[in-house]
Amino acid sequence: MDKSLSSARAILATGLIAALRARGHEAYLVGGCVRDRLLGITPKDFDVATDALPDQVLQYFPEARLVGAQFGVVLVSGGESIQVEVATFRSEAAYSDGRRPDTVRFESQPVRDARRRDFTINALFQDPLSGEVFDYVGGQADLEAKLIRAIGNPEKRFEEDHLRLLRAIRFAARLGFSIESGTFSAIQRVAHQITRISPERIRDELVRILSEGEPRRGFELLDSSDLLAHVAPEIKACQGVQQPPEYHPEGDVWTHVMLMLEGMRNPVPSLALGVLFHDVGKPPTFRIADRIRFDGHAEVGADMTRDWLRRLRFSNEDVEQVTSLVANHMRFKDVQQMRLGTLKRFLRLPHFDQHLELHRLDCLSSNGRLDSYDFVRAKLNELDREELRPAPLVTGHDLIRAGYTPGQAFGEALSAVETAQLEGEIQTREEALVLARKTLDRVLGDSAKVDKISSGTSIPGIQ
């Protein structure tokens, strides 16, 4: 987290609290920012809880806007990216949909607000002016003990909002905490309810588990809590799928993936998802011949990955990048034998740095051999941008001007020209046009060639 941005938000939140108190209200920092401050972690966001009603907050701060009318949440802005949520103390009725309370009641005291929250460590209040902490649910003791504990009856907390099942896992993984036994047992009992919430909410929590803190521990907790089978059964299926020991001395596919997750350092979400799913095609392609084999597992895995990403409503950009990571991860074994043109095309895949990092993690979590990784790194240092992505020597417009009709043959001709250019076999426009003509005539057949000659059409620059 950018410390300067966090500091700006802290200053805004403290100023809001001081202003509210000057008008006779109670107001405190609350939730994750208090937890993180007590743990010595730079908070990302700052939230304020107060007995002031939403209409009063809007009146006091003209730059504020209502973002959660039913829940009494007002957003106050202090500049670009500097925003603080101010929420009225509240208690809540039943959650019929497993996501939101049916009704809320505004309260005048913070204790009622604390008791409706999810985990004890997220229900702490703090006076930023004095530093005093107000704890109504034992959150400070659980911070000391490094425990994630649901407030009150854990099963009731999870039935209120099923997303809390995943949030418990995320906090435990991110903070390195354990989940209190009663809370963990409740997660196991109601794990199936996670499927009742929207795919988008599941998606966002899984991405945060993958990219915040300890993703391996997060997924091991997802597994032991019985949540994994509901949110990513394709990954669960990797357990017990053996691999050829000469290539994978570490063990089964699950163990291999967990080692890769453990090796990641602050990954972007698409890379983290690529690591998680890169071998998802192995279970359905497993067979034993001369040795254990997974024929076509990258292609099968890419299709499975695309289906899962679409099921959880990932963006098209994420779907394409993660699927590409899975589909191409086996190509590294051939890089030292690739023709130069093929290699260059491989190296210019979008976000190739992610492909390379996935391959590094793949090697270090299996046989440890980095020959292909080092070869690719050397090639990337050797080749400049112009060599990887040279300006085209000939275009479709050139072929049209030469009298050819656009069609599938254009793609083959232009691809042949680009390959020769990448291989260093041609350097000029004239050479490119000659090759394009030869390719088109071969693809289109002799009749097309005769038509060109009879019509007297020639390609500019070629006699």
Protein backbone atom coordinates (compact mmCIF):
# COMPACT_ATOMS: atom_id res chain seq x y z
CA MET A 1 0.00 0.00 0.00
CA ASP A 2 1.27 3.50 -0.90
CA LYS A 3 2.13 4.99 2.50
CA SER A 4 1.57 8.56 1.34
CA LEU A 5 -1.93 7.71 0.12
CA SER A 6 -2.68 5.87 3.35
CA SER A 7 -1.42 8.85 5.33
CA ALA A 8 -3.65 11.22 3.35
CA ARG A 9 -6.69 9.04 4.02
CA ALA A 10 -5.77 8.83 7.72
CA ILE A 11 -5.57 12.63 7.91
CA LEU A 12 -8.97 12.97 6.24
CA ALA A 13 -10.55 10.38 8.57
CA THR A 14 -9.07 12.06 11.66
CA GLY A 15 -10.35 15.44 10.49
CA LEU A 16 -13.83 14.05 9.93
CA ILE A 17 -13.87 12.53 13.40
CA ALA A 18 -12.76 15.81 14.96
CA ALA A 19 -15.46 17.70 13.03
CA LEU A 20 -18.17 15.26 14.08
CA ARG A 21 -17.15 15.47 17.70
CA ALA A 22 -17.15 19.26 17.55
CA ARG A 23 -20.83 18.92 16.69
CA GLY A 24 -21.49 16.71 19.70
CA HIS A 25 -21.30 13.27 18.05
CA GLU A 26 -19.40 10.12 18.86
CA ALA A 27 -17.05 9.06 16.05
CA TYR A 28 -14.22 6.55 15.76
CA LEU A 29 -12.05 4.70 13.30
CA VAL A 30 -13.45 1.19 12.87
CA GLY A 31 -12.74 -2.17 11.29
CA GLY A 32 -9.79 -3.17 9.16
CA CYS A 33 -7.87 0.07 9.55
CA VAL A 34 -7.83 -0.34 13.34
CA ARG A 35 -6.82 -3.99 13.02
CA ASP A 36 -3.98 -3.17 10.64
CA ARG A 37 -2.72 -0.24 12.69
CA LEU A 38 -2.51 -2.44 15.78
CA LEU A 39 -0.61 -5.08 13.73
CA GLY A 40 1.82 -2.50 12.35
CA ILE A 41 0.42 -2.84 8.81
CA THR A 42 -0.20 0.22 6.64
CA PRO A 43 -3.99 0.38 6.17
CA LYS A 44 -5.35 0.62 2.65
CA ASP A 45 -8.63 2.28 3.61
CA PHE A 46 -10.00 4.16 6.60
CA ASP A 47 -13.60 3.84 7.78
CA VAL A 48 -15.36 6.01 10.32
CA ALA A 49 -18.32 4.95 12.49
CA THR A 50 -20.48 7.55 14.20
CA ASP A 51 -23.82 8.12 15.89
CA ALA A 52 -24.52 10.94 13.41
CA LEU A 53 -27.31 10.06 10.99
CA PRO A 54 -26.61 10.01 7.24
CA ASP A 55 -28.56 13.22 6.62
CA GLN A 56 -26.50 14.97 9.28
CA VAL A 57 -23.22 13.76 7.78
CA LEU A 58 -24.33 15.02 4.36
CA GLN A 59 -25.22 18.36 5.90
CA TYR A 60 -21.89 18.71 7.70
CA PHE A 61 -19.76 17.77 4.68
CA PRO A 62 -21.07 19.23 1.40
CA GLU A 63 -18.53 17.24 -0.63
CA ALA A 64 -20.01 13.96 0.68
CA ARG A 65 -22.40 11.68 -1.18
CA LEU A 66 -24.66 8.87 -0.07
CA VAL A 67 -23.46 5.47 -1.31
CA GLY A 68 -25.48 3.13 0.90
CA ALA A 69 -28.74 4.74 1.89
CA GLN A 70 -30.19 1.63 3.52
CA PHE A 71 -27.02 1.08 5.57
CA GLY A 72 -26.28 4.69 6.44
CA VAL A 73 -23.00 4.86 4.50
CA VAL A 74 -21.70 8.22 3.25
CA LEU A 75 -18.54 8.68 1.17
CA VAL A 76 -16.51 11.80 1.90
CA SER A 77 -13.86 12.83 -0.61
CA GLY A 78 -10.76 14.86 0.17
CA GLY A 79 -9.32 14.76 -3.34
CA GLU A 80 -8.45 12.23 -6.02
CA SER A 81 -8.18 8.71 -4.50
CA ILE A 82 -8.55 10.20 -1.01
CA GLN A 83 -11.93 9.02 0.27
CA VAL A 84 -13.31 7.84 3.60
CA GLU A 85 -16.56 6.01 4.31
CA VAL A 86 -18.57 7.36 7.21
CA ALA A 87 -21.24 4.98 8.50
CA THR A 88 -23.84 5.40 11.20
CA PHE A 89 -23.72 2.88 14.07
CA ARG A 90 -26.28 0.20 13.28
CA SER A 91 -27.71 -3.16 14.23
CA GLU A 92 -29.20 -5.56 11.71
CA ALA A 93 -32.16 -7.92 11.33
CA ALA A 94 -32.13 -11.29 9.56
CA TYR A 95 -30.36 -11.86 6.22
CA SER A 96 -32.91 -13.63 4.01
CA ASP A 97 -30.68 -13.66 0.92
CA GLY A 98 -27.42 -14.64 2.60
CA ARG A 99 -25.88 -11.33 1.64
CA ARG A 100 -27.67 -8.26 3.03
CA PRO A 101 -29.77 -7.66 6.16
CA ASP A 102 -33.49 -7.32 5.53
CA THR A 103 -33.60 -4.19 7.68
CA VAL A 104 -31.16 -2.11 9.69
CA ARG A 105 -31.64 0.04 12.76
CA PHE A 106 -29.45 3.05 13.45
CA GLU A 107 -27.90 2.98 16.91
CA SER A 108 -26.46 5.57 19.25
CA GLN A 109 -23.75 3.36 20.78
CA PRO A 110 -20.82 1.56 19.13
CA VAL A 111 -21.31 -1.67 21.08
CA ARG A 112 -24.39 -2.65 19.05
CA ASP A 113 -22.49 -1.88 15.86
CA ALA A 114 -19.60 -4.08 16.96
CA ARG A 115 -21.80 -7.10 17.61
CA ARG A 116 -23.24 -7.18 14.08
CA ARG A 117 -19.79 -7.43 12.42
CA ASP A 118 -18.12 -10.60 11.11
CA PHE A 119 -14.92 -11.31 13.08
CA THR A 120 -13.66 -10.01 16.39
CA ILE A 121 -10.50 -8.52 14.91
CA ASN A 122 -12.64 -6.47 12.50
CA ALA A 123 -14.89 -4.99 15.20
CA LEU A 124 -12.42 -2.74 17.00
CA PHE A 125 -12.94 1.00 17.37
CA GLN A 126 -10.18 3.54 17.90
CA ASP A 127 -9.96 7.20 18.82
CA PRO A 128 -7.26 8.47 16.41
CA LEU A 129 -6.69 11.54 18.55
CA SER A 130 -5.82 9.66 21.76
CA GLY A 131 -5.03 6.22 20.33
CA GLU A 132 -7.48 4.59 22.75
CA VAL A 133 -9.03 1.32 21.48
CA PHE A 134 -12.60 0.29 22.29
CA ASP A 135 -13.11 -3.48 22.20
CA TYR A 136 -16.54 -4.98 22.88
CA VAL A 137 -15.99 -8.49 21.48
CA GLY A 138 -12.48 -9.61 22.50
CA GLY A 139 -10.78 -8.56 19.29
CA GLN A 140 -7.53 -7.41 20.93
CA ALA A 141 -7.04 -10.77 22.63
CA ASP A 142 -7.58 -12.53 19.30
CA LEU A 143 -5.06 -10.24 17.63
CA GLU A 144 -2.55 -11.23 20.29
CA ALA A 145 -3.40 -14.91 19.85
CA LYS A 146 -3.42 -14.58 16.04
CA LEU A 147 -6.93 -15.99 15.74
CA ILE A 148 -9.80 -15.44 13.33
CA ARG A 149 -12.94 -15.82 15.44
CA ALA A 150 -16.52 -15.14 14.39
CA ILE A 151 -18.49 -12.81 16.67
CA GLY A 152 -21.16 -14.69 18.62
CA ASN A 153 -22.58 -17.81 16.96
CA PRO A 154 -20.27 -18.50 13.99
CA GLU A 155 -22.83 -20.48 12.00
CA LYS A 156 -25.28 -17.60 12.30
CA ARG A 157 -22.60 -15.14 11.15
CA PHE A 158 -21.94 -17.24 8.03
CA GLU A 159 -25.62 -17.73 7.28
CA GLU A 160 -26.07 -13.95 7.39
CA ASP A 161 -23.49 -13.41 4.68
CA HIS A 162 -22.05 -16.48 2.98
CA LEU A 163 -19.09 -14.49 1.66
CA ARG A 164 -17.75 -14.45 5.22
CA LEU A 165 -16.76 -18.07 4.63
CA LEU A 166 -14.16 -16.93 2.11
CA ARG A 167 -13.26 -13.82 4.08
CA ALA A 168 -12.26 -15.97 7.05
CA ILE A 169 -9.86 -17.88 4.81
CA ARG A 170 -8.48 -14.70 3.27
CA PHE A 171 -7.78 -13.03 6.59
CA ALA A 172 -6.13 -16.16 7.98
CA ALA A 173 -3.88 -16.49 4.93
CA ARG A 174 -3.06 -12.82 4.63
CA LEU A 175 -2.28 -12.29 8.32
CA GLY A 176 -0.76 -15.69 9.06
CA PHE A 177 -3.48 -16.37 11.66
CA SER A 178 -5.25 -19.57 12.62
CA ILE A 179 -9.03 -19.93 12.46
CA GLU A 180 -10.57 -20.58 15.88
CA SER A 181 -11.82 -24.18 16.09
CA GLY A 182 -15.52 -23.37 16.53
CA THR A 183 -15.40 -20.92 13.65
CA PHE A 184 -13.59 -23.41 11.42
CA SER A 185 -16.04 -26.21 12.21
CA ALA A 186 -18.91 -23.89 11.31
CA ILE A 187 -17.25 -23.13 7.97
CA GLN A 188 -17.05 -26.84 7.22
CA ARG A 189 -20.70 -27.37 8.14
CA VAL A 190 -22.04 -24.65 5.87
CA ALA A 191 -19.38 -24.61 3.13
CA HIS A 192 -21.95 -25.64 0.52
CA GLN A 193 -23.75 -22.34 1.00
CA ILE A 194 -20.93 -20.48 -0.74
CA THR A 195 -22.57 -21.34 -4.06
CA ARG A 196 -25.58 -19.19 -3.14
CA ILE A 197 -23.67 -15.94 -3.56
CA SER A 198 -22.88 -14.24 -6.86
CA PRO A 199 -19.96 -15.43 -9.00
CA GLU A 200 -18.50 -11.91 -8.93
CA ARG A 201 -18.20 -11.91 -5.13
CA ILE A 202 -16.56 -15.33 -5.13
CA ARG A 203 -14.22 -14.16 -7.89
CA ASP A 204 -13.06 -11.09 -5.99
CA GLU A 205 -12.35 -13.02 -2.78
CA LEU A 206 -10.41 -15.76 -4.60
CA VAL A 207 -8.31 -13.17 -6.42
CA ARG A 208 -7.49 -11.53 -3.10
CA ILE A 209 -6.56 -14.88 -1.56
CA LEU A 210 -4.22 -15.46 -4.50
CA SER A 211 -2.62 -12.04 -4.47
CA GLU A 212 -2.53 -11.03 -0.79
CA GLY A 213 -0.07 -12.67 1.55
CA GLU A 214 0.17 -16.47 1.52
CA PRO A 215 -1.77 -17.98 -1.39
CA ARG A 216 -0.58 -21.53 -0.73
CA ARG A 217 -1.90 -21.42 2.83
CA GLY A 218 -5.07 -19.82 1.57
CA PHE A 219 -5.78 -22.66 -0.84
CA GLU A 220 -4.83 -25.31 1.68
CA LEU A 221 -7.36 -23.73 4.04
CA LEU A 222 -9.94 -23.62 1.25
CA ASP A 223 -9.37 -27.33 0.83
CA SER A 224 -9.46 -28.34 4.50
CA SER A 225 -12.55 -26.19 5.08
CA ASP A 226 -14.39 -27.99 2.22
CA LEU A 227 -14.82 -24.72 0.31
CA LEU A 228 -12.44 -25.61 -2.53
CA ALA A 229 -14.68 -28.36 -3.89
CA HIS A 230 -17.44 -25.78 -4.31
CA VAL A 231 -15.51 -22.82 -5.72
CA ALA A 232 -12.84 -24.56 -7.83
CA PRO A 233 -13.53 -28.31 -8.16
CA GLU A 234 -11.11 -28.40 -11.10
CA ILE A 235 -8.24 -27.58 -8.73
CA LYS A 236 -9.48 -30.05 -6.11
CA ALA A 237 -9.29 -32.75 -8.81
CA CYS A 238 -5.50 -32.25 -9.02
CA GLN A 239 -5.07 -33.98 -5.65
CA GLY A 240 -3.60 -37.46 -5.91
CA VAL A 241 -2.83 -37.18 -9.64
CA GLN A 242 0.67 -38.61 -9.82
CA GLN A 243 3.35 -37.29 -12.17
CA PRO A 244 6.49 -38.87 -13.71
CA PRO A 245 9.10 -38.63 -10.93
CA GLU A 246 11.93 -37.91 -13.36
CA TYR A 247 10.25 -34.60 -14.17
CA HIS A 248 8.28 -34.00 -10.99
CA PRO A 249 10.09 -35.40 -7.95
CA GLU A 250 7.96 -33.16 -5.72
CA GLY A 251 4.87 -35.38 -6.01
CA ASP A 252 1.34 -35.06 -7.36
CA VAL A 253 -0.14 -32.19 -9.35
CA TRP A 254 -1.68 -30.55 -6.27
CA THR A 255 1.68 -30.48 -4.46
CA HIS A 256 3.33 -28.99 -7.54
CA VAL A 257 0.75 -26.21 -7.80
CA MET A 258 0.95 -25.44 -4.09
CA LEU A 259 4.74 -25.09 -4.33
CA MET A 260 4.29 -22.65 -7.21
CA LEU A 261 1.78 -20.60 -5.23
CA GLU A 262 4.23 -20.49 -2.35
CA GLY A 263 6.97 -19.21 -4.65
CA MET A 264 4.97 -16.25 -6.00
CA ARG A 265 5.90 -12.76 -4.85
CA ASN A 266 3.26 -10.02 -5.19
CA PRO A 267 1.81 -11.44 -8.41
CA VAL A 268 -0.67 -9.63 -10.60
CA PRO A 269 -4.00 -11.51 -10.56
CA SER A 270 -3.66 -12.93 -14.08
CA LEU A 271 -0.28 -14.49 -13.29
CA ALA A 272 -1.58 -15.92 -10.00
CA LEU A 273 -4.55 -17.46 -11.81
CA GLY A 274 -2.28 -18.81 -14.53
CA VAL A 275 -0.12 -20.50 -11.90
CA LEU A 276 -3.19 -21.97 -10.20
CA PHE A 277 -4.67 -23.37 -13.41
CA HIS A 278 -1.60 -24.15 -15.56
CA ASP A 279 -1.84 -27.92 -14.97
CA VAL A 280 -5.61 -28.19 -14.53
CA GLY A 281 -5.75 -30.28 -17.71
CA LYS A 282 -3.63 -33.06 -16.22
CA PRO A 283 -6.35 -34.98 -14.33
CA PRO A 284 -8.55 -35.56 -17.42
CA THR A 285 -5.55 -36.40 -19.67
CA PHE A 286 -3.72 -38.73 -17.26
CA ARG A 287 -2.62 -42.02 -18.80
CA ILE A 288 0.17 -44.55 -18.26
CA ALA A 289 2.14 -45.72 -21.30
CA ASP A 290 5.92 -46.02 -21.21
CA ARG A 291 5.55 -43.57 -18.31
CA ILE A 292 2.87 -41.31 -16.90
CA ARG A 293 1.74 -38.97 -19.66
CA PHE A 294 -0.63 -36.02 -19.99
CA ASP A 295 -1.07 -35.70 -23.74
CA GLY A 296 -2.47 -32.32 -24.76
CA HIS A 297 -3.01 -31.20 -21.18
CA ALA A 298 -2.13 -27.57 -21.97
CA GLU A 299 -4.86 -27.33 -24.61
CA VAL A 300 -7.42 -29.18 -22.48
CA GLY A 301 -6.45 -27.05 -19.49
CA ALA A 302 -6.87 -23.85 -21.48
CA ASP A 303 -10.47 -24.80 -22.32
CA MET A 304 -11.20 -25.71 -18.69
CA THR A 305 -9.63 -22.47 -17.49
CA ARG A 306 -11.67 -20.39 -19.92
CA ASP A 307 -14.87 -22.07 -18.75
CA TRP A 308 -14.07 -21.43 -15.08
CA LEU A 309 -13.10 -17.80 -15.65
CA ARG A 310 -16.28 -17.13 -17.59
CA ARG A 311 -18.32 -18.86 -14.90
CA LEU A 312 -16.94 -16.39 -12.37
CA ARG A 313 -17.48 -13.43 -14.72
CA PHE A 314 -13.87 -12.38 -15.22
CA SER A 315 -13.24 -9.66 -17.77
CA ASN A 316 -12.51 -10.66 -21.38
CA GLU A 317 -8.97 -9.34 -20.95
CA ASP A 318 -8.37 -11.56 -17.94
CA VAL A 319 -9.92 -14.56 -19.68
CA GLU A 320 -7.63 -14.15 -22.69
CA GLN A 321 -4.45 -13.60 -20.69
CA VAL A 322 -4.94 -16.39 -18.15
CA THR A 323 -6.03 -18.83 -20.86
CA SER A 324 -2.94 -17.90 -22.88
CA LEU A 325 -0.70 -18.58 -19.88
CA VAL A 326 -2.17 -22.06 -19.53
CA ALA A 327 -2.19 -22.82 -23.26
CA ASN A 328 1.43 -21.78 -23.82
CA HIS A 329 3.21 -22.95 -20.69
CA MET A 330 4.55 -26.15 -22.29
CA ARG A 331 6.14 -24.32 -25.23
CA PHE A 332 9.19 -23.40 -23.19
CA LYS A 333 10.52 -26.95 -23.50
CA ASP A 334 10.99 -26.35 -27.25
CA VAL A 335 12.46 -22.84 -27.26
CA GLN A 336 16.04 -23.94 -27.94
CA GLN A 337 14.93 -25.88 -31.04
CA MET A 338 12.48 -23.28 -32.40
CA ARG A 339 13.11 -21.54 -35.71
CA LEU A 340 13.99 -17.92 -35.09
CA GLY A 341 10.68 -16.64 -36.47
CA THR A 342 8.69 -19.01 -34.28
CA LEU A 343 10.71 -18.00 -31.23
CA LYS A 344 10.22 -14.31 -31.90
CA ARG A 345 6.47 -14.76 -32.21
CA PHE A 346 6.48 -16.63 -28.90
CA LEU A 347 8.51 -13.94 -27.15
CA ARG A 348 6.10 -11.22 -28.22
CA LEU A 349 3.01 -12.78 -26.71
CA PRO A 350 1.09 -10.16 -24.71
CA HIS A 351 2.50 -9.78 -21.18
CA PHE A 352 5.29 -12.23 -21.95
CA ASP A 353 6.88 -11.41 -18.59
CA GLN A 354 4.03 -13.35 -16.98
CA HIS A 355 4.67 -16.38 -19.20
CA LEU A 356 8.34 -16.27 -18.27
CA GLU A 357 7.66 -15.97 -14.55
CA LEU A 358 5.16 -18.84 -14.65
CA HIS A 359 7.81 -20.98 -16.36
CA ARG A 360 10.40 -20.06 -13.73
CA LEU A 361 8.06 -21.03 -10.92
CA ASP A 362 7.14 -24.22 -12.81
CA CYS A 363 10.80 -25.26 -13.03
CA LEU A 364 11.72 -24.36 -9.46
CA SER A 365 8.71 -26.30 -8.18
CA SER A 366 9.62 -29.46 -10.11
CA ASN A 367 13.00 -30.54 -11.48
CA GLY A 368 14.74 -27.22 -10.85
CA ARG A 369 16.24 -27.00 -14.35
CA LEU A 370 16.25 -23.45 -15.69
CA ASP A 371 18.00 -24.04 -19.05
CA SER A 372 15.06 -22.83 -21.14
CA TYR A 373 14.39 -19.93 -18.79
CA ASP A 374 18.01 -18.75 -19.05
CA PHE A 375 17.95 -19.20 -22.84
CA VAL A 376 14.82 -17.05 -23.18
CA ARG A 377 16.21 -14.38 -20.84
CA ALA A 378 19.35 -14.20 -22.97
CA LYS A 379 17.31 -13.92 -26.17
CA LEU A 380 15.17 -11.13 -24.75
CA ASN A 381 18.33 -9.21 -23.83
CA GLU A 382 19.80 -9.87 -27.27
CA LEU A 383 16.79 -8.87 -29.38
CA ASP A 384 15.57 -5.29 -29.47
CA ARG A 385 11.94 -4.29 -29.96
CA GLU A 386 12.36 -3.72 -33.69
CA GLU A 387 13.69 -7.24 -34.16
CA LEU A 388 10.75 -8.76 -32.29
CA ARG A 389 8.12 -6.54 -33.89
CA PRO A 390 9.53 -5.21 -37.17
CA ALA A 391 7.42 -2.89 -39.29
CA PRO A 392 5.71 -4.95 -42.02
CA LEU A 393 7.43 -4.93 -45.39
CA VAL A 394 4.18 -5.54 -47.24
CA THR A 395 0.49 -5.16 -46.35
CA GLY A 396 -2.85 -6.33 -47.63
CA HIS A 397 -3.28 -2.99 -49.38
CA ASP A 398 -0.16 -3.71 -51.44
CA LEU A 399 -1.63 -7.03 -52.53
CA ILE A 400 -4.95 -5.40 -53.47
CA ARG A 401 -3.13 -2.79 -55.52
CA ALA A 402 -1.38 -5.68 -57.26
CA GLY A 403 -4.77 -6.97 -58.37
CA TYR A 404 -5.35 -9.77 -55.89
CA THR A 405 -8.75 -10.20 -54.30
CA PRO A 406 -8.78 -10.27 -50.47
CA GLY A 407 -9.36 -13.71 -48.97
CA GLN A 408 -7.86 -16.43 -46.82
CA ALA A 409 -4.82 -16.55 -49.09
CA PHE A 410 -3.88 -13.03 -47.99
CA GLY A 411 -3.31 -14.28 -44.44
CA GLU A 412 -1.02 -17.07 -45.62
CA ALA A 413 0.95 -14.74 -47.87
CA LEU A 414 1.41 -12.07 -45.21
CA SER A 415 2.34 -14.72 -42.62
CA ALA A 416 4.95 -16.19 -44.96
CA VAL A 417 6.42 -12.73 -45.52
CA GLU A 418 6.53 -11.98 -41.80
CA THR A 419 8.16 -15.33 -41.04
CA ALA A 420 10.87 -14.73 -43.63
CA GLN A 421 11.38 -11.23 -42.24
CA LEU A 422 11.69 -12.54 -38.68
CA GLU A 423 14.09 -15.25 -39.87
CA GLY A 424 16.26 -12.61 -41.53
CA GLU A 425 15.73 -14.16 -44.97
CA ILE A 426 14.34 -10.95 -46.51
CA GLN A 427 15.03 -7.32 -45.71
CA THR A 428 13.41 -5.24 -48.46
CA ARG A 429 9.92 -4.47 -49.71
CA GLU A 430 10.79 -5.85 -53.12
CA GLU A 431 11.85 -9.19 -51.64
CA ALA A 432 8.67 -9.27 -49.59
CA LEU A 433 6.48 -8.64 -52.63
CA VAL A 434 8.16 -11.41 -54.60
CA LEU A 435 7.56 -13.88 -51.77
CA ALA A 436 3.96 -12.71 -51.37
CA ARG A 437 3.32 -13.26 -55.09
CA LYS A 438 4.81 -16.74 -54.98
CA THR A 439 2.73 -17.67 -51.95
CA LEU A 440 -0.50 -16.32 -53.43
CA ASP A 441 0.05 -18.06 -56.73
CA ARG A 442 0.75 -21.34 -54.95
CA VAL A 443 -2.33 -21.04 -52.72
CA LEU A 444 -4.67 -19.77 -55.40
CA GLY A 445 -3.42 -22.16 -58.06
CA ASP A 446 -2.11 -21.86 -61.59
CA SER A 447 -5.34 -20.34 -62.93
CA ALA A 448 -4.91 -17.29 -60.77
CA LYS A 449 -1.36 -17.00 -61.98
CA VAL A 450 -2.50 -17.15 -65.63
CA ASP A 451 -5.14 -14.51 -64.96
CA LYS A 452 -2.51 -12.20 -63.56
CA ILE A 453 -0.25 -12.63 -66.55
CA SER A 454 -3.06 -12.21 -69.10
CA SER A 455 -4.39 -9.12 -67.40
CA GLY A 456 -0.95 -7.57 -67.47
CA THR A 457 -1.13 -6.81 -63.76
CA SER A 458 2.23 -6.52 -62.05
CA ILE A 459 3.18 -5.91 -58.47
CA PRO A 460 4.64 -2.44 -58.00
CA GLY A 461 8.40 -2.51 -57.74
CA ILE A 462 8.77 -5.88 -59.44
CA GLN A 463 9.63 -6.31 -63.11
